Amino acid sequence: MTIYSPPAEKNSGVAVVVCPGGGYHILAYDLEGTEVCDWLNSIGISGVLLKYRVPIRPNQKGYEAPLQDAQRALSLVRSQAAKWHIDTNRIGILGLSAGGHLAALAGCQFDQRTYETVDAADALDCRPDFIVLVYPGYLTLKEQRDKVSPELTITSNTPPTFLVQTEDDPVHVEGSLYYYLALKNARVPAELHLFPKGGHGYGLRPSSNPVSNWPKLVEQWLRSGGILR
């Protein structure tokens, strides 16, 4: 983990664990990592950039080691909250592309730790308080795009979730649509934004496409939900 702290006078107490994408093979560490943390700092949020394990380990599902890393990161942030001036009840997770799947997974599988306890930090909750999914991948089955992936077990205790994607995304937009519908059916507070153009992997870099405004939409969502004050 690398901690990106905002200036003390701007610190809102909110923290976000950032999961870059890369298909569980690589990490887009700047485009979907450091640049995201810089933006979070600009609105008073601490960014926690997670360098989760890639590529896929032999005889493991692609997300197994990354989920361990995400759970560990969330607990570690809570354990260091006082030192880093973070509110333990306002720690979220944000993921892009494959990192979006990982962020969603962390919000669905938090009641059972996926690794043996390391130290006292692992006694602390690894449930994120909110989730942001930016052009997420793997939310539905490849062969049945209307079926949420079975490892994503949505319940009424799944954290509030924000989703954004474009209709021309080669990572099919049905993933966000049906994931949002599953959240709605479970009565989980959720917000979904769909745009016609933008493709995939744009991060925060500006373009002529309105989807480039997604960071502002996230900020508004965090403020309207009382997370960012």
C-alpha atoms as a PDB file:
ATOM      1  CA  MET A   1       0.000   0.000   0.000  1.00  0.00           C
ATOM      2  CA  THR A   2       1.064   3.566  -0.690  1.00  0.00           C
ATOM      3  CA  ILE A   3      -0.713   6.286   1.271  1.00  0.00           C
ATOM      4  CA  TYR A   4      -1.560   9.574  -0.446  1.00  0.00           C
ATOM      5  CA  SER A   5      -2.722  12.078   2.185  1.00  0.00           C
ATOM      6  CA  PRO A   6      -4.409  15.383   1.348  1.00  0.00           C
ATOM      7  CA  PRO A   7      -3.176  18.628   2.933  1.00  0.00           C
ATOM      8  CA  ALA A   8      -4.159  18.743   6.602  1.00  0.00           C
ATOM      9  CA  GLU A   9      -6.421  21.753   6.084  1.00  0.00           C
ATOM     10  CA  LYS A  10      -8.392  19.864   3.390  1.00  0.00           C
ATOM     11  CA  ASN A  11      -8.519  16.428   5.019  1.00  0.00           C
ATOM     12  CA  SER A  12     -12.152  15.298   5.254  1.00  0.00           C
ATOM     13  CA  GLY A  13     -11.373  12.096   7.154  1.00  0.00           C
ATOM     14  CA  VAL A  14     -12.531   9.968   4.208  1.00  0.00           C
ATOM     15  CA  ALA A  15     -10.190   7.332   2.764  1.00  0.00           C
ATOM     16  CA  VAL A  16     -10.442   5.226  -0.389  1.00  0.00           C
ATOM     17  CA  VAL A  17      -8.506   2.064  -1.210  1.00  0.00           C
ATOM     18  CA  VAL A  18      -7.740   2.323  -4.945  1.00  0.00           C
ATOM     19  CA  CYS A  19      -7.565  -0.851  -7.052  1.00  0.00           C
ATOM     20  CA  PRO A  20      -6.092  -0.309 -10.542  1.00  0.00           C
ATOM     21  CA  GLY A  21      -7.170  -2.497 -13.433  1.00  0.00           C
ATOM     22  CA  GLY A  22      -5.188  -4.720 -15.742  1.00  0.00           C
ATOM     23  CA  GLY A  23      -7.178  -7.906 -16.225  1.00  0.00           C
ATOM     24  CA  TYR A  24      -5.587  -9.529 -13.163  1.00  0.00           C
ATOM     25  CA  HIS A  25      -2.430  -9.792 -15.288  1.00  0.00           C
ATOM     26  CA  ILE A  26      -0.839  -6.346 -14.833  1.00  0.00           C
ATOM     27  CA  LEU A  27      -1.626  -3.141 -12.925  1.00  0.00           C
ATOM     28  CA  ALA A  28      -2.295   0.152 -14.725  1.00  0.00           C
ATOM     29  CA  TYR A  29      -0.505   1.809 -11.847  1.00  0.00           C
ATOM     30  CA  ASP A  30      -0.430   5.423 -13.041  1.00  0.00           C
ATOM     31  CA  LEU A  31      -3.530   5.776 -15.231  1.00  0.00           C
ATOM     32  CA  GLU A  32      -5.773   3.954 -12.769  1.00  0.00           C
ATOM     33  CA  GLY A  33      -3.725   4.384  -9.599  1.00  0.00           C
ATOM     34  CA  THR A  34      -1.517   7.358  -8.817  1.00  0.00           C
ATOM     35  CA  GLU A  35      -3.634   9.730 -10.903  1.00  0.00           C
ATOM     36  CA  VAL A  36      -6.774   8.592  -9.067  1.00  0.00           C
ATOM     37  CA  CYS A  37      -5.095   9.203  -5.705  1.00  0.00           C
ATOM     38  CA  ASP A  38      -4.053  12.699  -6.787  1.00  0.00           C
ATOM     39  CA  TRP A  39      -7.668  13.476  -7.664  1.00  0.00           C
ATOM     40  CA  LEU A  40      -8.904  12.082  -4.340  1.00  0.00           C
ATOM     41  CA  ASN A  41      -6.428  14.310  -2.503  1.00  0.00           C
ATOM     42  CA  SER A  42      -7.751  17.333  -4.408  1.00  0.00           C
ATOM     43  CA  ILE A  43     -11.194  16.817  -2.828  1.00  0.00           C
ATOM     44  CA  GLY A  44      -9.852  16.091   0.653  1.00  0.00           C
ATOM     45  CA  ILE A  45      -9.798  12.285   0.544  1.00  0.00           C
ATOM     46  CA  SER A  46      -6.875  10.051   1.478  1.00  0.00           C
ATOM     47  CA  GLY A  47      -5.942   7.656  -1.319  1.00  0.00           C
ATOM     48  CA  VAL A  48      -4.596   4.217  -0.449  1.00  0.00           C
ATOM     49  CA  LEU A  49      -3.072   2.773  -3.610  1.00  0.00           C
ATOM     50  CA  LEU A  50      -3.159  -1.021  -3.476  1.00  0.00           C
ATOM     51  CA  LYS A  51      -0.499  -2.958  -5.364  1.00  0.00           C
ATOM     52  CA  TYR A  52      -2.362  -6.260  -5.271  1.00  0.00           C
ATOM     53  CA  ARG A  53      -0.766  -9.441  -6.521  1.00  0.00           C
ATOM     54  CA  VAL A  54      -0.694 -10.109 -10.257  1.00  0.00           C
ATOM     55  CA  PRO A  55      -0.487 -12.037 -12.509  1.00  0.00           C
ATOM     56  CA  ILE A  56      -2.858 -14.903 -11.713  1.00  0.00           C
ATOM     57  CA  ARG A  57      -1.307 -17.576  -9.492  1.00  0.00           C
ATOM     58  CA  PRO A  58      -1.216 -21.187 -10.757  1.00  0.00           C
ATOM     59  CA  ASN A  59      -4.246 -23.231  -9.722  1.00  0.00           C
ATOM     60  CA  GLN A  60      -6.025 -20.155  -8.372  1.00  0.00           C
ATOM     61  CA  LYS A  61      -8.878 -18.018  -9.572  1.00  0.00           C
ATOM     62  CA  GLY A  62      -7.696 -14.649 -10.789  1.00  0.00           C
ATOM     63  CA  TYR A  63      -9.171 -12.751  -7.869  1.00  0.00           C
ATOM     64  CA  GLU A  64      -8.092 -15.015  -4.973  1.00  0.00           C
ATOM     65  CA  ALA A  65      -4.779 -13.380  -4.040  1.00  0.00           C
ATOM     66  CA  PRO A  66      -6.064  -9.864  -4.876  1.00  0.00           C
ATOM     67  CA  LEU A  67      -9.068 -10.343  -2.561  1.00  0.00           C
ATOM     68  CA  GLN A  68      -6.737 -11.302   0.275  1.00  0.00           C
ATOM     69  CA  ASP A  69      -4.752  -8.135  -0.392  1.00  0.00           C
ATOM     70  CA  ALA A  70      -7.883  -5.960  -0.494  1.00  0.00           C
ATOM     71  CA  GLN A  71      -9.223  -7.376   2.763  1.00  0.00           C
ATOM     72  CA  ARG A  72      -5.849  -6.890   4.433  1.00  0.00           C
ATOM     73  CA  ALA A  73      -5.608  -3.304   3.131  1.00  0.00           C
ATOM     74  CA  LEU A  74      -9.034  -2.321   4.473  1.00  0.00           C
ATOM     75  CA  SER A  75      -8.201  -3.685   7.930  1.00  0.00           C
ATOM     76  CA  LEU A  76      -4.761  -2.056   7.916  1.00  0.00           C
ATOM     77  CA  VAL A  77      -6.254   1.329   7.073  1.00  0.00           C
ATOM     78  CA  ARG A  78      -8.652   0.991  10.005  1.00  0.00           C
ATOM     79  CA  SER A  79      -5.781   0.008  12.286  1.00  0.00           C
ATOM     80  CA  GLN A  80      -3.836   3.148  11.310  1.00  0.00           C
ATOM     81  CA  ALA A  81      -6.815   5.498  11.104  1.00  0.00           C
ATOM     82  CA  ALA A  82      -5.771   7.728  13.996  1.00  0.00           C
ATOM     83  CA  LYS A  83      -2.233   8.082  12.657  1.00  0.00           C
ATOM     84  CA  TRP A  84      -3.444   8.918   9.153  1.00  0.00           C
ATOM     85  CA  HIS A  85      -6.348  11.151  10.342  1.00  0.00           C
ATOM     86  CA  ILE A  86      -9.010   8.882   8.865  1.00  0.00           C
ATOM     87  CA  ASP A  87     -12.558   8.200  10.095  1.00  0.00           C
ATOM     88  CA  THR A  88     -12.915   4.417  10.533  1.00  0.00           C
ATOM     89  CA  ASN A  89     -16.566   4.662   9.409  1.00  0.00           C
ATOM     90  CA  ARG A  90     -15.754   6.379   6.110  1.00  0.00           C
ATOM     91  CA  ILE A  91     -13.302   4.028   4.407  1.00  0.00           C
ATOM     92  CA  GLY A  92     -14.315   3.014   0.902  1.00  0.00           C
ATOM     93  CA  ILE A  93     -12.872   1.148  -2.051  1.00  0.00           C
ATOM     94  CA  LEU A  94     -12.653   2.219  -5.705  1.00  0.00           C
ATOM     95  CA  GLY A  95     -11.753  -0.014  -8.609  1.00  0.00           C
ATOM     96  CA  LEU A  96     -11.364   0.387 -12.357  1.00  0.00           C
ATOM     97  CA  SER A  97     -11.788  -2.444 -14.882  1.00  0.00           C
ATOM     98  CA  ALA A  98     -10.595  -5.675 -13.201  1.00  0.00           C
ATOM     99  CA  GLY A  99      -9.996  -3.552 -10.117  1.00  0.00           C
ATOM    100  CA  GLY A 100     -13.724  -2.812 -10.240  1.00  0.00           C
ATOM    101  CA  HIS A 101     -14.456  -6.507  -9.933  1.00  0.00           C
ATOM    102  CA  LEU A 102     -12.051  -6.670  -6.992  1.00  0.00           C
ATOM    103  CA  ALA A 103     -13.720  -3.687  -5.299  1.00  0.00           C
ATOM    104  CA  ALA A 104     -17.156  -5.248  -5.788  1.00  0.00           C
ATOM    105  CA  LEU A 105     -15.841  -8.540  -4.418  1.00  0.00           C
ATOM    106  CA  ALA A 106     -14.469  -6.808  -1.317  1.00  0.00           C
ATOM    107  CA  GLY A 107     -17.957  -5.412  -0.763  1.00  0.00           C
ATOM    108  CA  CYS A 108     -19.612  -8.812  -1.136  1.00  0.00           C
ATOM    109  CA  GLN A 109     -17.148 -11.055   0.710  1.00  0.00           C
ATOM    110  CA  PHE A 110     -16.184  -9.301   3.916  1.00  0.00           C
ATOM    111  CA  ASP A 111     -17.766 -11.491   6.582  1.00  0.00           C
ATOM    112  CA  GLN A 112     -15.102 -14.194   6.247  1.00  0.00           C
ATOM    113  CA  ARG A 113     -11.408 -13.419   5.913  1.00  0.00           C
ATOM    114  CA  THR A 114      -9.782 -15.290   3.039  1.00  0.00           C
ATOM    115  CA  TYR A 115      -6.391 -15.753   4.708  1.00  0.00           C
ATOM    116  CA  GLU A 116      -5.039 -16.754   8.099  1.00  0.00           C
ATOM    117  CA  THR A 117      -4.846 -13.925  10.629  1.00  0.00           C
ATOM    118  CA  VAL A 118      -1.538 -12.050  10.469  1.00  0.00           C
ATOM    119  CA  ASP A 119      -1.736  -9.669  13.433  1.00  0.00           C
ATOM    120  CA  ALA A 120      -4.106  -7.515  15.488  1.00  0.00           C
ATOM    121  CA  ALA A 121      -5.134  -5.483  12.446  1.00  0.00           C
ATOM    122  CA  ASP A 122      -6.972  -8.507  11.099  1.00  0.00           C
ATOM    123  CA  ALA A 123      -9.332  -8.372  14.065  1.00  0.00           C
ATOM    124  CA  LEU A 124     -10.742  -5.174  12.565  1.00  0.00           C
ATOM    125  CA  ASP A 125     -13.540  -5.051  10.010  1.00  0.00           C
ATOM    126  CA  CYS A 126     -12.613  -5.424   6.329  1.00  0.00           C
ATOM    127  CA  ARG A 127     -16.010  -4.247   5.049  1.00  0.00           C
ATOM    128  CA  PRO A 128     -15.736  -1.089   2.915  1.00  0.00           C
ATOM    129  CA  ASP A 129     -18.194   1.653   3.841  1.00  0.00           C
ATOM    130  CA  PHE A 130     -18.853   2.495   0.189  1.00  0.00           C
ATOM    131  CA  ILE A 131     -17.817   1.284  -3.266  1.00  0.00           C
ATOM    132  CA  VAL A 132     -17.039   3.067  -6.553  1.00  0.00           C
ATOM    133  CA  LEU A 133     -16.879   0.970  -9.736  1.00  0.00           C
ATOM    134  CA  VAL A 134     -15.463   2.616 -12.871  1.00  0.00           C
ATOM    135  CA  TYR A 135     -15.883   0.642 -16.138  1.00  0.00           C
ATOM    136  CA  PRO A 136     -15.836  -2.569 -14.041  1.00  0.00           C
ATOM    137  CA  GLY A 137     -15.182  -5.974 -15.576  1.00  0.00           C
ATOM    138  CA  TYR A 138     -16.301  -9.505 -14.758  1.00  0.00           C
ATOM    139  CA  LEU A 139     -19.484  -8.472 -12.933  1.00  0.00           C
ATOM    140  CA  THR A 140     -21.549 -10.937 -14.947  1.00  0.00           C
ATOM    141  CA  LEU A 141     -20.858 -14.304 -16.526  1.00  0.00           C
ATOM    142  CA  LYS A 142     -19.133 -14.194 -19.904  1.00  0.00           C
ATOM    143  CA  GLU A 143     -21.654 -16.594 -21.462  1.00  0.00           C
ATOM    144  CA  GLN A 144     -24.721 -15.180 -19.650  1.00  0.00           C
ATOM    145  CA  ARG A 145     -24.432 -11.440 -19.401  1.00  0.00           C
ATOM    146  CA  ASP A 146     -27.678 -11.182 -17.451  1.00  0.00           C
ATOM    147  CA  LYS A 147     -26.292 -13.353 -14.617  1.00  0.00           C
ATOM    148  CA  VAL A 148     -24.188 -11.745 -11.887  1.00  0.00           C
ATOM    149  CA  SER A 149     -20.931 -13.641 -11.327  1.00  0.00           C
ATOM    150  CA  PRO A 150     -21.485 -16.197  -8.543  1.00  0.00           C
ATOM    151  CA  GLU A 151     -18.646 -14.925  -6.346  1.00  0.00           C
ATOM    152  CA  LEU A 152     -20.454 -11.560  -6.081  1.00  0.00           C
ATOM    153  CA  THR A 153     -22.987 -12.466  -3.403  1.00  0.00           C
ATOM    154  CA  ILE A 154     -25.021  -9.283  -2.998  1.00  0.00           C
ATOM    155  CA  THR A 155     -27.042  -8.911   0.217  1.00  0.00           C
ATOM    156  CA  SER A 156     -28.773  -6.062   2.016  1.00  0.00           C
ATOM    157  CA  ASN A 157     -25.460  -5.495   3.843  1.00  0.00           C
ATOM    158  CA  THR A 158     -23.511  -4.839   0.635  1.00  0.00           C
ATOM    159  CA  PRO A 159     -22.153  -1.276   0.895  1.00  0.00           C
ATOM    160  CA  PRO A 160     -23.655   1.629  -1.084  1.00  0.00           C
ATOM    161  CA  THR A 161     -22.287   1.489  -4.616  1.00  0.00           C
ATOM    162  CA  PHE A 162     -21.630   3.925  -7.483  1.00  0.00           C
ATOM    163  CA  LEU A 163     -21.191   2.607 -11.038  1.00  0.00           C
ATOM    164  CA  VAL A 164     -20.164   4.318 -14.270  1.00  0.00           C
ATOM    165  CA  GLN A 165     -19.634   2.823 -17.738  1.00  0.00           C
ATOM    166  CA  THR A 166     -20.176   3.534 -21.440  1.00  0.00           C
ATOM    167  CA  GLU A 167     -22.325   1.674 -23.945  1.00  0.00           C
ATOM    168  CA  ASP A 168     -19.407   1.212 -26.352  1.00  0.00           C
ATOM    169  CA  ASP A 169     -17.177  -0.363 -23.701  1.00  0.00           C
ATOM    170  CA  PRO A 170     -15.735  -3.660 -25.019  1.00  0.00           C
ATOM    171  CA  VAL A 171     -16.131  -4.896 -21.432  1.00  0.00           C
ATOM    172  CA  HIS A 172     -19.849  -5.293 -21.890  1.00  0.00           C
ATOM    173  CA  VAL A 173     -22.066  -2.707 -20.237  1.00  0.00           C
ATOM    174  CA  GLU A 174     -24.511  -5.435 -19.209  1.00  0.00           C
ATOM    175  CA  GLY A 175     -22.209  -6.099 -16.260  1.00  0.00           C
ATOM    176  CA  SER A 176     -22.991  -2.736 -14.701  1.00  0.00           C
ATOM    177  CA  LEU A 177     -26.667  -2.935 -15.657  1.00  0.00           C
ATOM    178  CA  TYR A 178     -27.379  -6.300 -14.075  1.00  0.00           C
ATOM    179  CA  TYR A 179     -25.132  -5.649 -11.089  1.00  0.00           C
ATOM    180  CA  TYR A 180     -27.064  -2.443 -10.422  1.00  0.00           C
ATOM    181  CA  LEU A 181     -30.351  -4.345 -10.748  1.00  0.00           C
ATOM    182  CA  ALA A 182     -29.143  -6.941  -8.219  1.00  0.00           C
ATOM    183  CA  LEU A 183     -28.204  -4.125  -5.825  1.00  0.00           C
ATOM    184  CA  LYS A 184     -31.637  -2.554  -6.290  1.00  0.00           C
ATOM    185  CA  ASN A 185     -33.386  -5.857  -5.621  1.00  0.00           C
ATOM    186  CA  ALA A 186     -31.367  -6.231  -2.411  1.00  0.00           C
ATOM    187  CA  ARG A 187     -32.299  -2.648  -1.444  1.00  0.00           C
ATOM    188  CA  VAL A 188     -28.694  -1.509  -1.463  1.00  0.00           C
ATOM    189  CA  PRO A 189     -28.337   2.247  -2.127  1.00  0.00           C
ATOM    190  CA  ALA A 190     -26.807   2.510  -5.596  1.00  0.00           C
ATOM    191  CA  GLU A 191     -26.267   5.013  -8.388  1.00  0.00           C
ATOM    192  CA  LEU A 192     -25.579   4.069 -12.018  1.00  0.00           C
ATOM    193  CA  HIS A 193     -24.364   6.359 -14.808  1.00  0.00           C
ATOM    194  CA  LEU A 194     -24.294   5.166 -18.429  1.00  0.00           C
ATOM    195  CA  PHE A 195     -22.818   7.184 -21.279  1.00  0.00           C
ATOM    196  CA  PRO A 196     -22.971   6.462 -25.018  1.00  0.00           C
ATOM    197  CA  LYS A 197     -19.261   6.858 -25.803  1.00  0.00           C
ATOM    198  CA  GLY A 198     -15.888   6.599 -24.127  1.00  0.00           C
ATOM    199  CA  GLY A 199     -14.738   3.018 -24.544  1.00  0.00           C
ATOM    200  CA  HIS A 200     -12.560   1.548 -21.816  1.00  0.00           C
ATOM    201  CA  GLY A 201      -9.471   2.499 -19.847  1.00  0.00           C
ATOM    202  CA  TYR A 202      -9.783   6.284 -19.958  1.00  0.00           C
ATOM    203  CA  GLY A 203      -9.119   6.785 -16.261  1.00  0.00           C
ATOM    204  CA  LEU A 204      -9.308  10.472 -15.353  1.00  0.00           C
ATOM    205  CA  ARG A 205      -7.781  11.733 -18.556  1.00  0.00           C
ATOM    206  CA  PRO A 206      -9.980  14.347 -20.253  1.00  0.00           C
ATOM    207  CA  SER A 207     -11.672  13.843 -23.586  1.00  0.00           C
ATOM    208  CA  SER A 208     -14.584  15.248 -25.554  1.00  0.00           C
ATOM    209  CA  ASN A 209     -16.826  12.516 -24.118  1.00  0.00           C
ATOM    210  CA  PRO A 210     -19.103  13.477 -21.209  1.00  0.00           C
ATOM    211  CA  VAL A 211     -18.021  10.350 -19.316  1.00  0.00           C
ATOM    212  CA  SER A 212     -14.834  12.280 -18.511  1.00  0.00           C
ATOM    213  CA  ASN A 213     -16.896  14.052 -15.857  1.00  0.00           C
ATOM    214  CA  TRP A 214     -17.286  10.876 -13.782  1.00  0.00           C
ATOM    215  CA  PRO A 215     -14.985  12.147 -10.963  1.00  0.00           C
ATOM    216  CA  LYS A 216     -17.341  15.075 -10.351  1.00  0.00           C
ATOM    217  CA  LEU A 217     -20.299  12.699 -10.275  1.00  0.00           C
ATOM    218  CA  VAL A 218     -18.531  10.557  -7.682  1.00  0.00           C
ATOM    219  CA  GLU A 219     -17.812  13.623  -5.563  1.00  0.00           C
ATOM    220  CA  GLN A 220     -21.475  14.670  -5.733  1.00  0.00           C
ATOM    221  CA  TRP A 221     -22.571  11.147  -4.785  1.00  0.00           C
ATOM    222  CA  LEU A 222     -20.226  11.096  -1.789  1.00  0.00           C
ATOM    223  CA  ARG A 223     -21.522  14.484  -0.650  1.00  0.00           C
ATOM    224  CA  SER A 224     -25.204  13.616  -1.128  1.00  0.00           C
ATOM    225  CA  GLY A 225     -24.686  10.410   0.856  1.00  0.00           C
ATOM    226  CA  GLY A 226     -23.102  12.283   3.744  1.00  0.00           C
ATOM    227  CA  ILE A 227     -19.740  10.571   3.323  1.00  0.00           C
ATOM    228  CA  LEU A 228     -17.819  13.617   2.109  1.00  0.00           C
ATOM    229  CA  ARG A 229     -18.731  16.546   4.335  1.00  0.00           C
END
